[in-house]
Amino acid sequence: MSPLFDCDDPAQLLAGMRHARQAIGRGELIVMPTDTVYGVAADAFSPEAVTRLLEAKGRGRQSPPPVLVAGRPMMDALVSETPEAVALLIDEFWPGGLTIVLPAQPSLSWDLGETHGTVAVRMPAQRVALELLEETGPLAVSSANLTGRPAAISAEDAERMLGDSVAVYLDAGFSETGISSTIVDATGLVGGDGIVRVLRDGAISRDRLREVLGDVLEPDPESDPEPEPDPLAQPAAVVEPDLDPTGDAG
């Protein structure tokens, strides 16, 4: 059974961080707290470790994991360019629940999956996570759950789903918000149409994004009016949606 360390206990925190660093160095997986939901993490520069992460969640290469960073300098080493509008988002919302997709630095030797030359980056607002990232460098981190299951908001939730596929569990109590990060695509600011698009609604609302970006943010989706009922229509079959309410990026 993989060890679980209580990060509120100073002695366990010290031991847990050491075991987590060692596990990452061996290409193994850890579960770590973030400010949004718990994440399952791997060395972003180890293709084998990233593959192990995707397999543990039951995902394929078409769903590459985001990368958590300890701050702007670490992010700048991963992306090809940081447009002014992205810098404004970082100043306002980092550390916090905003994941930003940008073109990746082409010189990087890594394989996160089918990224199409991009990387999704976030700086979490969680002490343990930031201390670990300072020591390990960038980590590929996806929500700590099996695909299609709710995101883990505690280490115990993650352990029940991921079991021994994870080498070390860091337990910092319940997640602060339990709401996954908002994901925005800012690749249009680099040689594109100059628009930032919301890929997933989450911890940061579109209204807050618009306060920073103005018209650079895509227009809000229009609500379709309710169609008038057709009295002659046959009742439609009820189809359960394929829900993955958590997505990635924590």
C-alpha atoms as a PDB file:
ATOM      1  CA  MET A   1       0.000   0.000   0.000  1.00  0.00           C
ATOM      2  CA  SER A   2       1.401   3.412  -0.984  1.00  0.00           C
ATOM      3  CA  PRO A   3       2.227   5.734   1.921  1.00  0.00           C
ATOM      4  CA  LEU A   4       0.029   8.732   2.744  1.00  0.00           C
ATOM      5  CA  PHE A   5       1.619  11.672   4.568  1.00  0.00           C
ATOM      6  CA  ASP A   6      -0.291  14.214   6.674  1.00  0.00           C
ATOM      7  CA  CYS A   7       1.107  17.586   5.599  1.00  0.00           C
ATOM      8  CA  ASP A   8      -0.330  19.294   8.687  1.00  0.00           C
ATOM      9  CA  ASP A   9       2.164  17.319  10.784  1.00  0.00           C
ATOM     10  CA  PRO A  10       5.609  18.939  10.363  1.00  0.00           C
ATOM     11  CA  ALA A  11       7.461  15.613  10.684  1.00  0.00           C
ATOM     12  CA  GLN A  12       5.194  13.870   8.165  1.00  0.00           C
ATOM     13  CA  LEU A  13       5.372  16.866   5.831  1.00  0.00           C
ATOM     14  CA  LEU A  14       9.183  16.689   5.793  1.00  0.00           C
ATOM     15  CA  ALA A  15       9.158  12.956   5.129  1.00  0.00           C
ATOM     16  CA  GLY A  16       6.362  13.220   2.580  1.00  0.00           C
ATOM     17  CA  MET A  17       8.115  15.915   0.562  1.00  0.00           C
ATOM     18  CA  ARG A  18      11.309  13.837   0.522  1.00  0.00           C
ATOM     19  CA  HIS A  19       9.452  10.723  -0.635  1.00  0.00           C
ATOM     20  CA  ALA A  20       7.541  12.754  -3.234  1.00  0.00           C
ATOM     21  CA  ARG A  21      10.749  14.220  -4.693  1.00  0.00           C
ATOM     22  CA  GLN A  22      12.318  10.774  -4.853  1.00  0.00           C
ATOM     23  CA  ALA A  23       9.241   9.288  -6.508  1.00  0.00           C
ATOM     24  CA  ILE A  24       9.189  12.022  -9.149  1.00  0.00           C
ATOM     25  CA  GLY A  25      12.901  11.428  -9.769  1.00  0.00           C
ATOM     26  CA  ARG A  26      12.212   7.725 -10.352  1.00  0.00           C
ATOM     27  CA  GLY A  27       9.486   8.496 -12.892  1.00  0.00           C
ATOM     28  CA  GLU A  28       6.677   7.474 -10.525  1.00  0.00           C
ATOM     29  CA  LEU A  29       3.397   9.236  -9.751  1.00  0.00           C
ATOM     30  CA  ILE A  30       2.407  11.220  -6.691  1.00  0.00           C
ATOM     31  CA  VAL A  31      -0.852  12.762  -5.543  1.00  0.00           C
ATOM     32  CA  MET A  32      -0.528  16.345  -4.347  1.00  0.00           C
ATOM     33  CA  PRO A  33      -2.899  18.998  -3.028  1.00  0.00           C
ATOM     34  CA  THR A  34      -3.709  22.132  -4.990  1.00  0.00           C
ATOM     35  CA  ASP A  35      -6.036  25.040  -4.299  1.00  0.00           C
ATOM     36  CA  THR A  36      -8.663  23.670  -6.713  1.00  0.00           C
ATOM     37  CA  VAL A  37      -8.724  19.847  -6.531  1.00  0.00           C
ATOM     38  CA  TYR A  38      -6.129  17.176  -5.799  1.00  0.00           C
ATOM     39  CA  GLY A  39      -3.791  16.367  -8.679  1.00  0.00           C
ATOM     40  CA  VAL A  40      -1.864  13.312  -9.801  1.00  0.00           C
ATOM     41  CA  ALA A  41       1.605  14.449 -10.824  1.00  0.00           C
ATOM     42  CA  ALA A  42       4.562  13.224 -12.849  1.00  0.00           C
ATOM     43  CA  ASP A  43       7.872  14.570 -14.125  1.00  0.00           C
ATOM     44  CA  ALA A  44       6.846  16.676 -17.137  1.00  0.00           C
ATOM     45  CA  PHE A  45      10.136  15.821 -18.891  1.00  0.00           C
ATOM     46  CA  SER A  46       9.769  12.040 -18.565  1.00  0.00           C
ATOM     47  CA  PRO A  47       7.632  10.605 -21.387  1.00  0.00           C
ATOM     48  CA  GLU A  48       7.397   7.310 -19.499  1.00  0.00           C
ATOM     49  CA  ALA A  49       6.100   9.055 -16.386  1.00  0.00           C
ATOM     50  CA  VAL A  50       3.547  11.051 -18.379  1.00  0.00           C
ATOM     51  CA  THR A  51       2.360   7.849 -20.060  1.00  0.00           C
ATOM     52  CA  ARG A  52       2.031   6.257 -16.607  1.00  0.00           C
ATOM     53  CA  LEU A  53      -0.087   9.231 -15.489  1.00  0.00           C
ATOM     54  CA  LEU A  54      -2.444   8.963 -18.452  1.00  0.00           C
ATOM     55  CA  GLU A  55      -2.788   5.207 -17.988  1.00  0.00           C
ATOM     56  CA  ALA A  56      -3.552   5.596 -14.279  1.00  0.00           C
ATOM     57  CA  LYS A  57      -6.430   7.927 -15.129  1.00  0.00           C
ATOM     58  CA  GLY A  58      -7.628   5.853 -18.083  1.00  0.00           C
ATOM     59  CA  ARG A  59      -6.878   8.568 -20.627  1.00  0.00           C
ATOM     60  CA  GLY A  60      -5.060   8.530 -23.960  1.00  0.00           C
ATOM     61  CA  ARG A  61      -2.445  10.742 -25.591  1.00  0.00           C
ATOM     62  CA  GLN A  62      -5.227  12.870 -27.072  1.00  0.00           C
ATOM     63  CA  SER A  63      -5.778  14.293 -23.550  1.00  0.00           C
ATOM     64  CA  PRO A  64      -2.347  15.701 -22.597  1.00  0.00           C
ATOM     65  CA  PRO A  65      -1.986  16.876 -19.000  1.00  0.00           C
ATOM     66  CA  PRO A  66      -1.419  20.506 -18.054  1.00  0.00           C
ATOM     67  CA  VAL A  67       1.804  21.572 -16.358  1.00  0.00           C
ATOM     68  CA  LEU A  68       1.988  23.221 -12.940  1.00  0.00           C
ATOM     69  CA  VAL A  69       4.716  25.787 -12.319  1.00  0.00           C
ATOM     70  CA  ALA A  70       6.017  27.647  -9.286  1.00  0.00           C
ATOM     71  CA  GLY A  71       5.808  31.070 -10.922  1.00  0.00           C
ATOM     72  CA  ARG A  72       6.283  33.255 -13.980  1.00  0.00           C
ATOM     73  CA  PRO A  73      10.014  32.513 -14.503  1.00  0.00           C
ATOM     74  CA  MET A  74       9.317  28.772 -14.641  1.00  0.00           C
ATOM     75  CA  MET A  75       6.476  29.347 -17.078  1.00  0.00           C
ATOM     76  CA  ASP A  76       8.624  31.561 -19.313  1.00  0.00           C
ATOM     77  CA  ALA A  77      11.027  28.642 -19.781  1.00  0.00           C
ATOM     78  CA  LEU A  78       8.185  26.495 -21.138  1.00  0.00           C
ATOM     79  CA  VAL A  79       6.375  28.840 -23.534  1.00  0.00           C
ATOM     80  CA  SER A  80       7.582  30.482 -26.718  1.00  0.00           C
ATOM     81  CA  GLU A  81       6.093  33.877 -25.916  1.00  0.00           C
ATOM     82  CA  THR A  82       4.098  35.613 -23.181  1.00  0.00           C
ATOM     83  CA  PRO A  83       1.786  38.222 -24.736  1.00  0.00           C
ATOM     84  CA  GLU A  84       0.921  41.359 -22.757  1.00  0.00           C
ATOM     85  CA  ALA A  85      -2.658  40.210 -22.198  1.00  0.00           C
ATOM     86  CA  VAL A  86      -1.397  36.938 -20.691  1.00  0.00           C
ATOM     87  CA  ALA A  87       0.921  38.886 -18.398  1.00  0.00           C
ATOM     88  CA  LEU A  88      -2.131  40.822 -17.179  1.00  0.00           C
ATOM     89  CA  LEU A  89      -3.985  37.565 -16.483  1.00  0.00           C
ATOM     90  CA  ILE A  90      -1.004  36.219 -14.553  1.00  0.00           C
ATOM     91  CA  ASP A  91      -0.719  39.397 -12.489  1.00  0.00           C
ATOM     92  CA  GLU A  92      -4.414  39.221 -11.596  1.00  0.00           C
ATOM     93  CA  PHE A  93      -5.098  35.511 -11.153  1.00  0.00           C
ATOM     94  CA  TRP A  94      -1.817  33.727 -10.305  1.00  0.00           C
ATOM     95  CA  PRO A  95      -1.354  31.941  -8.100  1.00  0.00           C
ATOM     96  CA  GLY A  96      -4.894  30.658  -8.515  1.00  0.00           C
ATOM     97  CA  GLY A  97      -7.463  28.809 -10.541  1.00  0.00           C
ATOM     98  CA  LEU A  98      -6.559  29.853 -14.089  1.00  0.00           C
ATOM     99  CA  THR A  99      -4.870  27.561 -16.612  1.00  0.00           C
ATOM    100  CA  ILE A 100      -3.467  29.264 -19.724  1.00  0.00           C
ATOM    101  CA  VAL A 101      -2.747  27.506 -23.016  1.00  0.00           C
ATOM    102  CA  LEU A 102       0.168  28.976 -25.004  1.00  0.00           C
ATOM    103  CA  PRO A 103       2.558  27.812 -27.730  1.00  0.00           C
ATOM    104  CA  ALA A 104       5.274  25.663 -26.154  1.00  0.00           C
ATOM    105  CA  GLN A 105       8.973  26.423 -26.386  1.00  0.00           C
ATOM    106  CA  PRO A 106       9.973  24.369 -29.460  1.00  0.00           C
ATOM    107  CA  SER A 107      13.394  23.482 -28.035  1.00  0.00           C
ATOM    108  CA  LEU A 108      11.945  21.516 -25.097  1.00  0.00           C
ATOM    109  CA  SER A 109      12.644  17.782 -24.993  1.00  0.00           C
ATOM    110  CA  TRP A 110       9.387  16.401 -23.658  1.00  0.00           C
ATOM    111  CA  ASP A 111       6.290  14.500 -24.776  1.00  0.00           C
ATOM    112  CA  LEU A 112       3.044  15.325 -23.011  1.00  0.00           C
ATOM    113  CA  GLY A 113       0.893  13.733 -25.706  1.00  0.00           C
ATOM    114  CA  GLU A 114      -0.931  15.267 -28.637  1.00  0.00           C
ATOM    115  CA  THR A 115      -0.450  18.906 -27.648  1.00  0.00           C
ATOM    116  CA  HIS A 116      -0.147  20.293 -31.221  1.00  0.00           C
ATOM    117  CA  GLY A 117       2.772  22.411 -30.048  1.00  0.00           C
ATOM    118  CA  THR A 118       1.036  23.983 -27.058  1.00  0.00           C
ATOM    119  CA  VAL A 119       1.258  23.692 -23.283  1.00  0.00           C
ATOM    120  CA  ALA A 120      -1.349  24.446 -20.618  1.00  0.00           C
ATOM    121  CA  VAL A 121       0.262  26.078 -17.568  1.00  0.00           C
ATOM    122  CA  ARG A 122      -0.952  27.077 -14.102  1.00  0.00           C
ATOM    123  CA  MET A 123       0.521  28.297 -10.835  1.00  0.00           C
ATOM    124  CA  PRO A 124      -1.489  26.869  -7.924  1.00  0.00           C
ATOM    125  CA  ALA A 125      -2.241  28.856  -4.780  1.00  0.00           C
ATOM    126  CA  GLN A 126      -1.299  26.096  -2.342  1.00  0.00           C
ATOM    127  CA  ARG A 127       1.744  26.109  -0.059  1.00  0.00           C
ATOM    128  CA  VAL A 128       2.679  22.424  -0.287  1.00  0.00           C
ATOM    129  CA  ALA A 129       2.255  22.386  -4.061  1.00  0.00           C
ATOM    130  CA  LEU A 130       4.429  25.459  -4.540  1.00  0.00           C
ATOM    131  CA  GLU A 131       7.179  24.166  -2.242  1.00  0.00           C
ATOM    132  CA  LEU A 132       7.246  20.885  -4.146  1.00  0.00           C
ATOM    133  CA  LEU A 133       7.329  22.617  -7.542  1.00  0.00           C
ATOM    134  CA  GLU A 134      10.243  24.773  -6.408  1.00  0.00           C
ATOM    135  CA  GLU A 135      12.192  21.584  -5.724  1.00  0.00           C
ATOM    136  CA  THR A 136      11.105  19.384  -8.631  1.00  0.00           C
ATOM    137  CA  GLY A 137      10.566  21.913 -11.408  1.00  0.00           C
ATOM    138  CA  PRO A 138       7.503  21.760 -13.685  1.00  0.00           C
ATOM    139  CA  LEU A 139       5.151  18.831 -13.101  1.00  0.00           C
ATOM    140  CA  ALA A 140       2.587  17.334 -15.437  1.00  0.00           C
ATOM    141  CA  VAL A 141      -0.506  17.313 -13.250  1.00  0.00           C
ATOM    142  CA  SER A 142      -4.025  16.118 -13.970  1.00  0.00           C
ATOM    143  CA  SER A 143      -6.994  15.945 -11.615  1.00  0.00           C
ATOM    144  CA  ALA A 144      -6.567  12.942  -9.282  1.00  0.00           C
ATOM    145  CA  ASN A 145      -9.470  10.829 -10.466  1.00  0.00           C
ATOM    146  CA  LEU A 146     -10.353   8.111 -12.904  1.00  0.00           C
ATOM    147  CA  THR A 147     -11.761   9.536 -16.124  1.00  0.00           C
ATOM    148  CA  GLY A 148     -15.494  10.049 -15.767  1.00  0.00           C
ATOM    149  CA  ARG A 149     -15.380  10.133 -11.948  1.00  0.00           C
ATOM    150  CA  PRO A 150     -15.591  13.272  -9.789  1.00  0.00           C
ATOM    151  CA  ALA A 151     -12.309  15.009  -9.034  1.00  0.00           C
ATOM    152  CA  ALA A 152     -10.736  14.136  -5.699  1.00  0.00           C
ATOM    153  CA  ILE A 153     -11.045  16.876  -3.106  1.00  0.00           C
ATOM    154  CA  SER A 154      -9.106  14.881  -0.512  1.00  0.00           C
ATOM    155  CA  ALA A 155      -6.141  12.533  -0.591  1.00  0.00           C
ATOM    156  CA  GLU A 156      -8.412   9.700   0.549  1.00  0.00           C
ATOM    157  CA  ASP A 157     -10.704  10.283  -2.446  1.00  0.00           C
ATOM    158  CA  ALA A 158      -7.695  10.026  -4.750  1.00  0.00           C
ATOM    159  CA  GLU A 159      -6.376   6.927  -3.013  1.00  0.00           C
ATOM    160  CA  ARG A 160      -9.697   5.105  -3.433  1.00  0.00           C
ATOM    161  CA  MET A 161      -9.595   5.723  -7.183  1.00  0.00           C
ATOM    162  CA  LEU A 162      -5.892   5.487  -8.020  1.00  0.00           C
ATOM    163  CA  GLY A 163      -4.595   3.048  -5.406  1.00  0.00           C
ATOM    164  CA  ASP A 164      -1.089   1.675  -5.888  1.00  0.00           C
ATOM    165  CA  SER A 165      -0.675   3.280  -9.325  1.00  0.00           C
ATOM    166  CA  VAL A 166       0.518   6.256  -7.234  1.00  0.00           C
ATOM    167  CA  ALA A 167       3.709   5.953  -5.183  1.00  0.00           C
ATOM    168  CA  VAL A 168       3.129   8.764  -2.643  1.00  0.00           C
ATOM    169  CA  TYR A 169       0.062  10.617  -1.380  1.00  0.00           C
ATOM    170  CA  LEU A 170       0.423  14.073   0.175  1.00  0.00           C
ATOM    171  CA  ASP A 171      -2.596  14.882   2.348  1.00  0.00           C
ATOM    172  CA  ALA A 172      -3.327  18.542   3.136  1.00  0.00           C
ATOM    173  CA  GLY A 173      -6.987  18.145   4.076  1.00  0.00           C
ATOM    174  CA  PHE A 174      -9.893  19.063   1.849  1.00  0.00           C
ATOM    175  CA  SER A 175      -9.245  21.214  -1.223  1.00  0.00           C
ATOM    176  CA  GLU A 176      -9.809  24.907  -0.643  1.00  0.00           C
ATOM    177  CA  THR A 177     -12.439  25.299  -3.374  1.00  0.00           C
ATOM    178  CA  GLY A 178     -13.050  21.897  -4.962  1.00  0.00           C
ATOM    179  CA  ILE A 179     -13.671  23.726  -8.244  1.00  0.00           C
ATOM    180  CA  SER A 180     -11.438  22.931 -11.201  1.00  0.00           C
ATOM    181  CA  SER A 181      -9.485  25.752 -12.810  1.00  0.00           C
ATOM    182  CA  THR A 182     -10.792  27.809 -15.681  1.00  0.00           C
ATOM    183  CA  ILE A 183      -8.869  27.016 -18.878  1.00  0.00           C
ATOM    184  CA  VAL A 184      -8.268  29.711 -21.500  1.00  0.00           C
ATOM    185  CA  ASP A 185      -6.643  29.343 -24.906  1.00  0.00           C
ATOM    186  CA  ALA A 186      -4.329  32.303 -25.496  1.00  0.00           C
ATOM    187  CA  THR A 187      -2.593  30.899 -28.576  1.00  0.00           C
ATOM    188  CA  GLY A 188      -4.595  33.325 -30.720  1.00  0.00           C
ATOM    189  CA  LEU A 189      -2.507  36.143 -29.241  1.00  0.00           C
ATOM    190  CA  VAL A 190       0.638  34.710 -30.845  1.00  0.00           C
ATOM    191  CA  GLY A 191       0.328  35.235 -34.576  1.00  0.00           C
ATOM    192  CA  GLY A 192      -3.408  34.512 -34.545  1.00  0.00           C
ATOM    193  CA  ASP A 193      -6.663  36.453 -34.407  1.00  0.00           C
ATOM    194  CA  GLY A 194      -5.841  38.197 -31.124  1.00  0.00           C
ATOM    195  CA  ILE A 195      -8.673  36.543 -29.189  1.00  0.00           C
ATOM    196  CA  VAL A 196      -8.558  34.585 -25.921  1.00  0.00           C
ATOM    197  CA  ARG A 197     -11.043  31.716 -25.782  1.00  0.00           C
ATOM    198  CA  VAL A 198     -12.480  29.926 -22.753  1.00  0.00           C
ATOM    199  CA  LEU A 199     -12.003  26.172 -23.099  1.00  0.00           C
ATOM    200  CA  ARG A 200     -13.484  25.310 -19.710  1.00  0.00           C
ATOM    201  CA  ASP A 201     -15.425  27.375 -17.202  1.00  0.00           C
ATOM    202  CA  GLY A 202     -14.199  26.938 -13.664  1.00  0.00           C
ATOM    203  CA  ALA A 203     -12.826  28.809 -10.660  1.00  0.00           C
ATOM    204  CA  ILE A 204     -12.373  32.146 -12.482  1.00  0.00           C
ATOM    205  CA  SER A 205     -15.591  33.500 -14.008  1.00  0.00           C
ATOM    206  CA  ARG A 206     -15.860  34.965 -17.492  1.00  0.00           C
ATOM    207  CA  ASP A 207     -16.900  38.275 -15.922  1.00  0.00           C
ATOM    208  CA  ARG A 208     -13.613  38.442 -13.993  1.00  0.00           C
ATOM    209  CA  LEU A 209     -11.664  37.525 -17.110  1.00  0.00           C
ATOM    210  CA  ARG A 210     -13.417  40.267 -19.069  1.00  0.00           C
ATOM    211  CA  GLU A 211     -12.535  42.845 -16.408  1.00  0.00           C
ATOM    212  CA  VAL A 212      -8.879  42.177 -17.277  1.00  0.00           C
ATOM    213  CA  LEU A 213      -9.069  41.403 -21.005  1.00  0.00           C
ATOM    214  CA  GLY A 214     -11.981  43.482 -22.258  1.00  0.00           C
ATOM    215  CA  ASP A 215     -12.740  42.744 -25.916  1.00  0.00           C
ATOM    216  CA  VAL A 216      -9.687  40.486 -26.179  1.00  0.00           C
ATOM    217  CA  LEU A 217     -11.850  37.810 -24.535  1.00  0.00           C
ATOM    218  CA  GLU A 218     -14.228  36.011 -26.891  1.00  0.00           C
ATOM    219  CA  PRO A 219     -17.898  37.072 -26.677  1.00  0.00           C
ATOM    220  CA  ASP A 220     -19.992  35.205 -24.153  1.00  0.00           C
ATOM    221  CA  PRO A 221     -21.945  32.315 -25.678  1.00  0.00           C
ATOM    222  CA  GLU A 222     -25.510  33.206 -26.527  1.00  0.00           C
ATOM    223  CA  SER A 223     -28.293  31.321 -24.816  1.00  0.00           C
ATOM    224  CA  ASP A 224     -30.493  29.485 -27.277  1.00  0.00           C
ATOM    225  CA  PRO A 225     -34.171  30.314 -26.779  1.00  0.00           C
ATOM    226  CA  GLU A 226     -36.406  27.474 -25.673  1.00  0.00           C
ATOM    227  CA  PRO A 227     -38.138  26.038 -28.747  1.00  0.00           C
ATOM    228  CA  GLU A 228     -41.912  25.994 -28.834  1.00  0.00           C
ATOM    229  CA  PRO A 229     -43.193  22.492 -28.045  1.00  0.00           C
ATOM    230  CA  ASP A 230     -44.533  20.481 -30.990  1.00  0.00           C
ATOM    231  CA  PRO A 231     -47.750  18.814 -29.848  1.00  0.00           C
ATOM    232  CA  LEU A 232     -47.392  16.162 -32.588  1.00  0.00           C
ATOM    233  CA  ALA A 233     -43.798  15.227 -31.763  1.00  0.00           C
ATOM    234  CA  GLN A 234     -43.017  11.832 -30.212  1.00  0.00           C
ATOM    235  CA  PRO A 235     -41.252  11.859 -26.834  1.00  0.00           C
ATOM    236  CA  ALA A 236     -37.482  11.744 -27.269  1.00  0.00           C
ATOM    237  CA  ALA A 237     -35.398   8.975 -25.770  1.00  0.00           C
ATOM    238  CA  VAL A 238     -33.468  10.003 -22.682  1.00  0.00           C
ATOM    239  CA  VAL A 239     -29.707   9.682 -23.237  1.00  0.00           C
ATOM    240  CA  GLU A 240     -27.357   9.997 -20.280  1.00  0.00           C
ATOM    241  CA  PRO A 241     -24.496  12.401 -21.131  1.00  0.00           C
ATOM    242  CA  ASP A 242     -20.901  11.258 -20.996  1.00  0.00           C
ATOM    243  CA  LEU A 243     -19.858  13.421 -18.095  1.00  0.00           C
ATOM    244  CA  ASP A 244     -16.369  14.195 -16.954  1.00  0.00           C
ATOM    245  CA  PRO A 245     -17.083  17.168 -14.687  1.00  0.00           C
ATOM    246  CA  THR A 246     -13.482  17.552 -13.683  1.00  0.00           C
ATOM    247  CA  GLY A 247     -11.418  17.618 -16.834  1.00  0.00           C
ATOM    248  CA  ASP A 248      -7.765  18.404 -16.167  1.00  0.00           C
ATOM    249  CA  ALA A 249      -5.461  21.034 -14.802  1.00  0.00           C
ATOM    250  CA  GLY A 250      -6.772  20.878 -11.271  1.00  0.00           C
END
